[in-house]
Structures are given as C-alpha cells and as structure tokens.
Amino acid sequence: MKVFKIAPQERLDDVICDVCNGSTRVSSDDADTCEYAELKADWGFWSKKDREHHEVHLCERCYDKVKEFIESVGGKVRIENYL
C-alpha cells in the first residue's frame, strides 16, 4: 500500500508491506527513501481474471520469503546487479 503525504508537491512518503503491514521507509543521510518490491499482474482475455490488475507491495523480509517459495517450487527469480 503506497502512502502519500500532502505537501506542496506530491511525493512518495511511505510504502506499506501488504503482507506484514510494516513500513518500507529507510532513512539515509540526505533523504527518506523506501526499499520495497512490487509484484504486478495484468490479466488478459483468456484468463479467468480477465481485465483484472493485481498489485502487491512487499518489504525486503517478506520479499525474501516469497522468493524462497518461488525457488522451492522450482522457479527462478532473475537478479541483475546495478553498475
């Protein structure tokens, strides 16, 4: 769940994990930031979920649990490192 703060200019204030309801905000020296994963699905005509959009926000701890589950059933999560 994304939480926005009313200010002169709209900016992302927090992202709440949809699993544990914890904040994903982390403070740095220069600004508050949010570290979170976002899972999205847009279902099409041939799906039983036709025209539905699903979205989940996860904190790092809950993301690690989801990633572990995916790998436990034989799936793979692609990871790319920033330069």
PDB file of N, CA and C in Angstrom:
ATOM      1  N   MET A   1       0.845  -1.154   0.000  1.00  0.00           N
ATOM      2  CA  MET A   1       0.000   0.000   0.000  1.00  0.00           C
ATOM      3  C   MET A   1       0.900   1.229   0.000  1.00  0.00           C
ATOM      4  N   LYS A   2       0.789   2.074  -0.991  1.00  0.00           N
ATOM      5  CA  LYS A   2       1.569   3.299  -1.050  1.00  0.00           C
ATOM      6  C   LYS A   2       0.861   4.383  -0.239  1.00  0.00           C
ATOM      7  N   VAL A   3       1.622   5.106   0.577  1.00  0.00           N
ATOM      8  CA  VAL A   3       1.085   6.180   1.405  1.00  0.00           C
ATOM      9  C   VAL A   3       1.730   7.483   0.961  1.00  0.00           C
ATOM     10  N   PHE A   4       0.913   8.441   0.531  1.00  0.00           N
ATOM     11  CA  PHE A   4       1.428   9.730   0.085  1.00  0.00           C
ATOM     12  C   PHE A   4       1.155  10.785   1.148  1.00  0.00           C
ATOM     13  N   LYS A   5       2.038  11.745   1.253  1.00  0.00           N
ATOM     14  CA  LYS A   5       1.920  12.843   2.197  1.00  0.00           C
ATOM     15  C   LYS A   5       1.513  14.093   1.411  1.00  0.00           C
ATOM     16  N   ILE A   6       0.552  14.844   1.951  1.00  0.00           N
ATOM     17  CA  ILE A   6       0.146  16.072   1.286  1.00  0.00           C
ATOM     18  C   ILE A   6       1.218  17.120   1.540  1.00  0.00           C
ATOM     19  N   ALA A   7       1.741  17.662   0.478  1.00  0.00           N
ATOM     20  CA  ALA A   7       2.796  18.658   0.534  1.00  0.00           C
ATOM     21  C   ALA A   7       2.641  19.552  -0.692  1.00  0.00           C
ATOM     22  N   PRO A   8       3.419  20.629  -0.764  1.00  0.00           N
ATOM     23  CA  PRO A   8       3.311  21.482  -1.951  1.00  0.00           C
ATOM     24  C   PRO A   8       3.469  20.694  -3.252  1.00  0.00           C
ATOM     25  N   GLN A   9       4.291  19.670  -3.203  1.00  0.00           N
ATOM     26  CA  GLN A   9       4.456  18.797  -4.368  1.00  0.00           C
ATOM     27  C   GLN A   9       4.302  17.359  -3.887  1.00  0.00           C
ATOM     28  N   GLU A  10       3.465  16.593  -4.579  1.00  0.00           N
ATOM     29  CA  GLU A  10       3.240  15.212  -4.157  1.00  0.00           C
ATOM     30  C   GLU A  10       4.523  14.404  -4.284  1.00  0.00           C
ATOM     31  N   ARG A  11       4.854  13.661  -3.230  1.00  0.00           N
ATOM     32  CA  ARG A  11       5.998  12.767  -3.259  1.00  0.00           C
ATOM     33  C   ARG A  11       5.655  11.528  -2.452  1.00  0.00           C
ATOM     34  N   LEU A  12       6.297  10.450  -2.785  1.00  0.00           N
ATOM     35  CA  LEU A  12       6.066   9.201  -2.075  1.00  0.00           C
ATOM     36  C   LEU A  12       6.603   9.331  -0.658  1.00  0.00           C
ATOM     37  N   ASP A  13       5.761   9.115   0.339  1.00  0.00           N
ATOM     38  CA  ASP A  13       6.167   9.249   1.731  1.00  0.00           C
ATOM     39  C   ASP A  13       6.471   7.896   2.358  1.00  0.00           C
ATOM     40  N   ASP A  14       5.739   6.853   1.963  1.00  0.00           N
ATOM     41  CA  ASP A  14       5.963   5.525   2.526  1.00  0.00           C
ATOM     42  C   ASP A  14       5.296   4.486   1.635  1.00  0.00           C
ATOM     43  N   VAL A  15       5.769   3.262   1.731  1.00  0.00           N
ATOM     44  CA  VAL A  15       5.128   2.115   1.106  1.00  0.00           C
ATOM     45  C   VAL A  15       4.956   1.091   2.214  1.00  0.00           C
ATOM     46  N   ILE A  16       3.724   0.666   2.442  1.00  0.00           N
ATOM     47  CA  ILE A  16       3.414  -0.294   3.497  1.00  0.00           C
ATOM     48  C   ILE A  16       3.352  -1.687   2.875  1.00  0.00           C
ATOM     49  N   CYS A  17       4.040  -2.643   3.509  1.00  0.00           N
ATOM     50  CA  CYS A  17       4.045  -4.021   3.018  1.00  0.00           C
ATOM     51  C   CYS A  17       2.633  -4.597   3.115  1.00  0.00           C
ATOM     52  N   ASP A  18       2.157  -5.186   2.026  1.00  0.00           N
ATOM     53  CA  ASP A  18       0.811  -5.762   2.000  1.00  0.00           C
ATOM     54  C   ASP A  18       0.733  -7.109   2.714  1.00  0.00           C
ATOM     55  N   VAL A  19       1.868  -7.650   3.150  1.00  0.00           N
ATOM     56  CA  VAL A  19       1.866  -8.912   3.880  1.00  0.00           C
ATOM     57  C   VAL A  19       1.921  -8.662   5.387  1.00  0.00           C
ATOM     58  N   CYS A  20       2.953  -7.942   5.846  1.00  0.00           N
ATOM     59  CA  CYS A  20       3.145  -7.750   7.291  1.00  0.00           C
ATOM     60  C   CYS A  20       2.701  -6.380   7.792  1.00  0.00           C
ATOM     61  N   ASN A  21       2.274  -5.502   6.899  1.00  0.00           N
ATOM     62  CA  ASN A  21       1.852  -4.135   7.230  1.00  0.00           C
ATOM     63  C   ASN A  21       2.970  -3.269   7.798  1.00  0.00           C
ATOM     64  N   GLY A  22       4.215  -3.661   7.575  1.00  0.00           N
ATOM     65  CA  GLY A  22       5.345  -2.866   8.041  1.00  0.00           C
ATOM     66  C   GLY A  22       5.724  -1.795   7.038  1.00  0.00           C
ATOM     67  N   SER A  23       6.345  -0.740   7.538  1.00  0.00           N
ATOM     68  CA  SER A  23       6.830   0.340   6.698  1.00  0.00           C
ATOM     69  C   SER A  23       8.080  -0.109   5.950  1.00  0.00           C
ATOM     70  N   THR A  24       8.248   0.385   4.744  1.00  0.00           N
ATOM     71  CA  THR A  24       9.457   0.086   3.977  1.00  0.00           C
ATOM     72  C   THR A  24      10.386   1.291   3.943  1.00  0.00           C
ATOM     73  N   ARG A  25      10.076   2.313   4.722  1.00  0.00           N
ATOM     74  CA  ARG A  25      10.882   3.529   4.730  1.00  0.00           C
ATOM     75  C   ARG A  25      12.207   3.273   5.450  1.00  0.00           C
ATOM     76  N   VAL A  26      13.267   3.720   4.842  1.00  0.00           N
ATOM     77  CA  VAL A  26      14.592   3.682   5.468  1.00  0.00           C
ATOM     78  C   VAL A  26      15.170   5.087   5.369  1.00  0.00           C
ATOM     79  N   SER A  27      15.847   5.508   6.391  1.00  0.00           N
ATOM     80  CA  SER A  27      16.435   6.844   6.381  1.00  0.00           C
ATOM     81  C   SER A  27      17.857   6.777   5.890  1.00  0.00           C
ATOM     82  N   SER A  28      18.207   7.746   5.090  1.00  0.00           N
ATOM     83  CA  SER A  28      19.589   7.907   4.667  1.00  0.00           C
ATOM     84  C   SER A  28      20.031   9.292   5.128  1.00  0.00           C
ATOM     85  N   ASP A  29      21.265   9.627   4.902  1.00  0.00           N
ATOM     86  CA  ASP A  29      21.778  10.919   5.359  1.00  0.00           C
ATOM     87  C   ASP A  29      21.070  12.098   4.710  1.00  0.00           C
ATOM     88  N   ASP A  30      20.694  11.949   3.441  1.00  0.00           N
ATOM     89  CA  ASP A  30      20.146  13.091   2.717  1.00  0.00           C
ATOM     90  C   ASP A  30      18.635  13.054   2.522  1.00  0.00           C
ATOM     91  N   ALA A  31      18.000  11.897   2.655  1.00  0.00           N
ATOM     92  CA  ALA A  31      16.555  11.836   2.397  1.00  0.00           C
ATOM     93  C   ALA A  31      15.979  10.527   2.909  1.00  0.00           C
ATOM     94  N   ASP A  32      14.672  10.538   3.120  1.00  0.00           N
ATOM     95  CA  ASP A  32      13.964   9.302   3.438  1.00  0.00           C
ATOM     96  C   ASP A  32      13.679   8.585   2.130  1.00  0.00           C
ATOM     97  N   THR A  33      13.911   7.300   2.104  1.00  0.00           N
ATOM     98  CA  THR A  33      13.611   6.509   0.920  1.00  0.00           C
ATOM     99  C   THR A  33      12.855   5.261   1.339  1.00  0.00           C
ATOM    100  N   CYS A  34      12.249   4.598   0.372  1.00  0.00           N
ATOM    101  CA  CYS A  34      11.532   3.353   0.616  1.00  0.00           C
ATOM    102  C   CYS A  34      12.206   2.251  -0.186  1.00  0.00           C
ATOM    103  N   GLU A  35      12.450   1.134   0.447  1.00  0.00           N
ATOM    104  CA  GLU A  35      13.014  -0.041  -0.214  1.00  0.00           C
ATOM    105  C   GLU A  35      11.935  -1.112  -0.224  1.00  0.00           C
ATOM    106  N   TYR A  36      11.409  -1.430  -1.411  1.00  0.00           N
ATOM    107  CA  TYR A  36      10.295  -2.378  -1.492  1.00  0.00           C
ATOM    108  C   TYR A  36      10.295  -3.084  -2.835  1.00  0.00           C
ATOM    109  N   ALA A  37       9.590  -4.209  -2.877  1.00  0.00           N
ATOM    110  CA  ALA A  37       9.366  -4.943  -4.123  1.00  0.00           C
ATOM    111  C   ALA A  37       7.914  -4.735  -4.519  1.00  0.00           C
ATOM    112  N   GLU A  38       7.682  -4.760  -5.819  1.00  0.00           N
ATOM    113  CA  GLU A  38       6.331  -4.575  -6.338  1.00  0.00           C
ATOM    114  C   GLU A  38       6.050  -5.711  -7.319  1.00  0.00           C
ATOM    115  N   LEU A  39       5.042  -6.507  -7.020  1.00  0.00           N
ATOM    116  CA  LEU A  39       4.621  -7.579  -7.921  1.00  0.00           C
ATOM    117  C   LEU A  39       3.333  -7.126  -8.590  1.00  0.00           C
ATOM    118  N   LYS A  40       3.295  -7.240  -9.926  1.00  0.00           N
ATOM    119  CA  LYS A  40       2.115  -6.802 -10.676  1.00  0.00           C
ATOM    120  C   LYS A  40       1.690  -7.882 -11.659  1.00  0.00           C
ATOM    121  N   ALA A  41       0.399  -7.947 -11.896  1.00  0.00           N
ATOM    122  CA  ALA A  41      -0.136  -8.855 -12.913  1.00  0.00           C
ATOM    123  C   ALA A  41      -1.307  -8.167 -13.607  1.00  0.00           C
ATOM    124  N   ASP A  42      -1.288  -8.171 -14.920  1.00  0.00           N
ATOM    125  CA  ASP A  42      -2.402  -7.682 -15.730  1.00  0.00           C
ATOM    126  C   ASP A  42      -2.947  -8.878 -16.502  1.00  0.00           C
ATOM    127  N   TRP A  43      -4.183  -9.270 -16.188  1.00  0.00           N
ATOM    128  CA  TRP A  43      -4.759 -10.483 -16.762  1.00  0.00           C
ATOM    129  C   TRP A  43      -5.535 -10.158 -18.016  1.00  0.00           C
ATOM    130  N   GLY A  44      -5.375 -11.013 -19.019  1.00  0.00           N
ATOM    131  CA  GLY A  44      -5.980 -10.789 -20.323  1.00  0.00           C
ATOM    132  C   GLY A  44      -7.220 -11.623 -20.578  1.00  0.00           C
ATOM    133  N   PHE A  45      -7.648 -11.578 -21.813  1.00  0.00           N
ATOM    134  CA  PHE A  45      -8.917 -12.163 -22.242  1.00  0.00           C
ATOM    135  C   PHE A  45      -9.045 -13.647 -21.925  1.00  0.00           C
ATOM    136  N   TRP A  46      -7.980 -14.423 -22.093  1.00  0.00           N
ATOM    137  CA  TRP A  46      -8.081 -15.873 -21.930  1.00  0.00           C
ATOM    138  C   TRP A  46      -7.949 -16.311 -20.474  1.00  0.00           C
ATOM    139  N   SER A  47      -7.753 -15.403 -19.580  1.00  0.00           N
ATOM    140  CA  SER A  47      -7.609 -15.713 -18.162  1.00  0.00           C
ATOM    141  C   SER A  47      -8.976 -15.723 -17.475  1.00  0.00           C
ATOM    142  N   LYS A  48      -9.060 -16.431 -16.371  1.00  0.00           N
ATOM    143  CA  LYS A  48     -10.271 -16.379 -15.547  1.00  0.00           C
ATOM    144  C   LYS A  48     -10.348 -15.060 -14.781  1.00  0.00           C
ATOM    145  N   LYS A  49      -9.283 -14.290 -14.841  1.00  0.00           N
ATOM    146  CA  LYS A  49      -9.230 -12.986 -14.183  1.00  0.00           C
ATOM    147  C   LYS A  49      -9.253 -11.867 -15.225  1.00  0.00           C
ATOM    148  N   ASP A  50      -9.958 -12.073 -16.309  1.00  0.00           N
ATOM    149  CA  ASP A  50      -9.985 -11.153 -17.442  1.00  0.00           C
ATOM    150  C   ASP A  50     -10.166  -9.705 -16.987  1.00  0.00           C
ATOM    151  N   ARG A  51      -9.267  -8.843 -17.479  1.00  0.00           N
ATOM    152  CA  ARG A  51      -9.277  -7.404 -17.242  1.00  0.00           C
ATOM    153  C   ARG A  51      -9.036  -7.021 -15.790  1.00  0.00           C
ATOM    154  N   GLU A  52      -8.424  -7.899 -15.000  1.00  0.00           N
ATOM    155  CA  GLU A  52      -8.075  -7.553 -13.629  1.00  0.00           C
ATOM    156  C   GLU A  52      -6.602  -7.149 -13.554  1.00  0.00           C
ATOM    157  N   HIS A  53      -6.312  -6.193 -12.691  1.00  0.00           N
ATOM    158  CA  HIS A  53      -4.942  -5.771 -12.413  1.00  0.00           C
ATOM    159  C   HIS A  53      -4.678  -6.101 -10.950  1.00  0.00           C
ATOM    160  N   HIS A  54      -3.639  -6.881 -10.688  1.00  0.00           N
ATOM    161  CA  HIS A  54      -3.264  -7.238  -9.322  1.00  0.00           C
ATOM    162  C   HIS A  54      -1.935  -6.558  -9.006  1.00  0.00           C
ATOM    163  N   GLU A  55      -1.785  -6.069  -7.774  1.00  0.00           N
ATOM    164  CA  GLU A  55      -0.553  -5.400  -7.375  1.00  0.00           C
ATOM    165  C   GLU A  55      -0.305  -5.651  -5.893  1.00  0.00           C
ATOM    166  N   VAL A  56       0.941  -5.992  -5.549  1.00  0.00           N
ATOM    167  CA  VAL A  56       1.331  -6.252  -4.162  1.00  0.00           C
ATOM    168  C   VAL A  56       2.646  -5.533  -3.897  1.00  0.00           C
ATOM    169  N   HIS A  57       2.741  -4.874  -2.752  1.00  0.00           N
ATOM    170  CA  HIS A  57       3.980  -4.237  -2.318  1.00  0.00           C
ATOM    171  C   HIS A  57       4.537  -5.043  -1.152  1.00  0.00           C
ATOM    172  N   LEU A  58       5.836  -5.334  -1.195  1.00  0.00           N
ATOM    173  CA  LEU A  58       6.469  -6.186  -0.183  1.00  0.00           C
ATOM    174  C   LEU A  58       7.696  -5.507   0.409  1.00  0.00           C
ATOM    175  N   CYS A  59       7.864  -5.633   1.726  1.00  0.00           N
ATOM    176  CA  CYS A  59       9.108  -5.202   2.361  1.00  0.00           C
ATOM    177  C   CYS A  59      10.182  -6.232   2.004  1.00  0.00           C
ATOM    178  N   GLU A  60      11.426  -5.929   2.316  1.00  0.00           N
ATOM    179  CA  GLU A  60      12.513  -6.826   1.927  1.00  0.00           C
ATOM    180  C   GLU A  60      12.387  -8.195   2.590  1.00  0.00           C
ATOM    181  N   ARG A  61      11.985  -8.237   3.861  1.00  0.00           N
ATOM    182  CA  ARG A  61      11.852  -9.510   4.580  1.00  0.00           C
ATOM    183  C   ARG A  61      10.766 -10.393   3.955  1.00  0.00           C
ATOM    184  N   CYS A  62       9.622  -9.809   3.642  1.00  0.00           N
ATOM    185  CA  CYS A  62       8.535 -10.585   3.020  1.00  0.00           C
ATOM    186  C   CYS A  62       8.887 -10.975   1.595  1.00  0.00           C
ATOM    187  N   TYR A  63       9.590 -10.095   0.868  1.00  0.00           N
ATOM    188  CA  TYR A  63      10.049 -10.437  -0.472  1.00  0.00           C
ATOM    189  C   TYR A  63      10.952 -11.667  -0.428  1.00  0.00           C
ATOM    190  N   ASP A  64      11.866 -11.708   0.549  1.00  0.00           N
ATOM    191  CA  ASP A  64      12.769 -12.860   0.656  1.00  0.00           C
ATOM    192  C   ASP A  64      11.988 -14.156   0.867  1.00  0.00           C
ATOM    193  N   LYS A  65      10.899 -14.095   1.630  1.00  0.00           N
ATOM    194  CA  LYS A  65      10.060 -15.279   1.840  1.00  0.00           C
ATOM    195  C   LYS A  65       9.366 -15.707   0.541  1.00  0.00           C
ATOM    196  N   VAL A  66       8.870 -14.731  -0.223  1.00  0.00           N
ATOM    197  CA  VAL A  66       8.209 -15.036  -1.498  1.00  0.00           C
ATOM    198  C   VAL A  66       9.223 -15.621  -2.474  1.00  0.00           C
ATOM    199  N   LYS A  67      10.404 -15.017  -2.553  1.00  0.00           N
ATOM    200  CA  LYS A  67      11.472 -15.510  -3.423  1.00  0.00           C
ATOM    201  C   LYS A  67      11.851 -16.937  -3.048  1.00  0.00           C
ATOM    202  N   GLU A  68      11.972 -17.202  -1.756  1.00  0.00           N
ATOM    203  CA  GLU A  68      12.307 -18.550  -1.278  1.00  0.00           C
ATOM    204  C   GLU A  68      11.226 -19.550  -1.687  1.00  0.00           C
ATOM    205  N   PHE A  69       9.944 -19.154  -1.597  1.00  0.00           N
ATOM    206  CA  PHE A  69       8.856 -20.038  -2.010  1.00  0.00           C
ATOM    207  C   PHE A  69       8.932 -20.336  -3.508  1.00  0.00           C
ATOM    208  N   ILE A  70       9.142 -19.292  -4.307  1.00  0.00           N
ATOM    209  CA  ILE A  70       9.236 -19.483  -5.758  1.00  0.00           C
ATOM    210  C   ILE A  70      10.336 -20.481  -6.087  1.00  0.00           C
ATOM    211  N   GLU A  71      11.477 -20.326  -5.450  1.00  0.00           N
ATOM    212  CA  GLU A  71      12.596 -21.235  -5.699  1.00  0.00           C
ATOM    213  C   GLU A  71      12.311 -22.639  -5.173  1.00  0.00           C
ATOM    214  N   SER A  72      11.526 -22.763  -4.095  1.00  0.00           N
ATOM    215  CA  SER A  72      11.222 -24.076  -3.526  1.00  0.00           C
ATOM    216  C   SER A  72      10.317 -24.912  -4.431  1.00  0.00           C
ATOM    217  N   VAL A  73       9.565 -24.255  -5.316  1.00  0.00           N
ATOM    218  CA  VAL A  73       8.698 -24.991  -6.247  1.00  0.00           C
ATOM    219  C   VAL A  73       9.330 -25.087  -7.634  1.00  0.00           C
ATOM    220  N   GLY A  74      10.622 -24.772  -7.715  1.00  0.00           N
ATOM    221  CA  GLY A  74      11.350 -24.940  -8.962  1.00  0.00           C
ATOM    222  C   GLY A  74      11.457 -23.703  -9.826  1.00  0.00           C
ATOM    223  N   GLY A  75      10.950 -22.583  -9.344  1.00  0.00           N
ATOM    224  CA  GLY A  75      11.019 -21.343 -10.121  1.00  0.00           C
ATOM    225  C   GLY A  75      12.359 -20.648  -9.947  1.00  0.00           C
ATOM    226  N   LYS A  76      12.546 -19.601 -10.712  1.00  0.00           N
ATOM    227  CA  LYS A  76      13.786 -18.842 -10.642  1.00  0.00           C
ATOM    228  C   LYS A  76      13.446 -17.357 -10.683  1.00  0.00           C
ATOM    229  N   VAL A  77      14.087 -16.616  -9.805  1.00  0.00           N
ATOM    230  CA  VAL A  77      13.962 -15.159  -9.799  1.00  0.00           C
ATOM    231  C   VAL A  77      15.225 -14.598 -10.434  1.00  0.00           C
ATOM    232  N   ARG A  78      15.057 -13.846 -11.515  1.00  0.00           N
ATOM    233  CA  ARG A  78      16.216 -13.261 -12.205  1.00  0.00           C
ATOM    234  C   ARG A  78      16.723 -12.070 -11.418  1.00  0.00           C
ATOM    235  N   ILE A  79      18.023 -12.045 -11.193  1.00  0.00           N
ATOM    236  CA  ILE A  79      18.635 -10.947 -10.436  1.00  0.00           C
ATOM    237  C   ILE A  79      19.703 -10.294 -11.307  1.00  0.00           C
ATOM    238  N   GLU A  80      19.628  -8.979 -11.430  1.00  0.00           N
ATOM    239  CA  GLU A  80      20.635  -8.208 -12.147  1.00  0.00           C
ATOM    240  C   GLU A  80      21.246  -7.216 -11.166  1.00  0.00           C
ATOM    241  N   ASN A  81      22.546  -7.035 -11.217  1.00  0.00           N
ATOM    242  CA  ASN A  81      23.218  -6.081 -10.343  1.00  0.00           C
ATOM    243  C   ASN A  81      23.381  -4.749 -11.040  1.00  0.00           C
ATOM    244  N   TYR A  82      23.222  -3.669 -10.285  1.00  0.00           N
ATOM    245  CA  TYR A  82      23.473  -2.341 -10.808  1.00  0.00           C
ATOM    246  C   TYR A  82      24.970  -2.144 -10.983  1.00  0.00           C
ATOM    247  N   LEU A  83      25.357  -1.324 -11.932  1.00  0.00           N
ATOM    248  CA  LEU A  83      26.763  -0.968 -12.117  1.00  0.00           C
ATOM    249  C   LEU A  83      27.108   0.234 -11.288  1.00  0.00           C
TER     250      LEU A  83
END
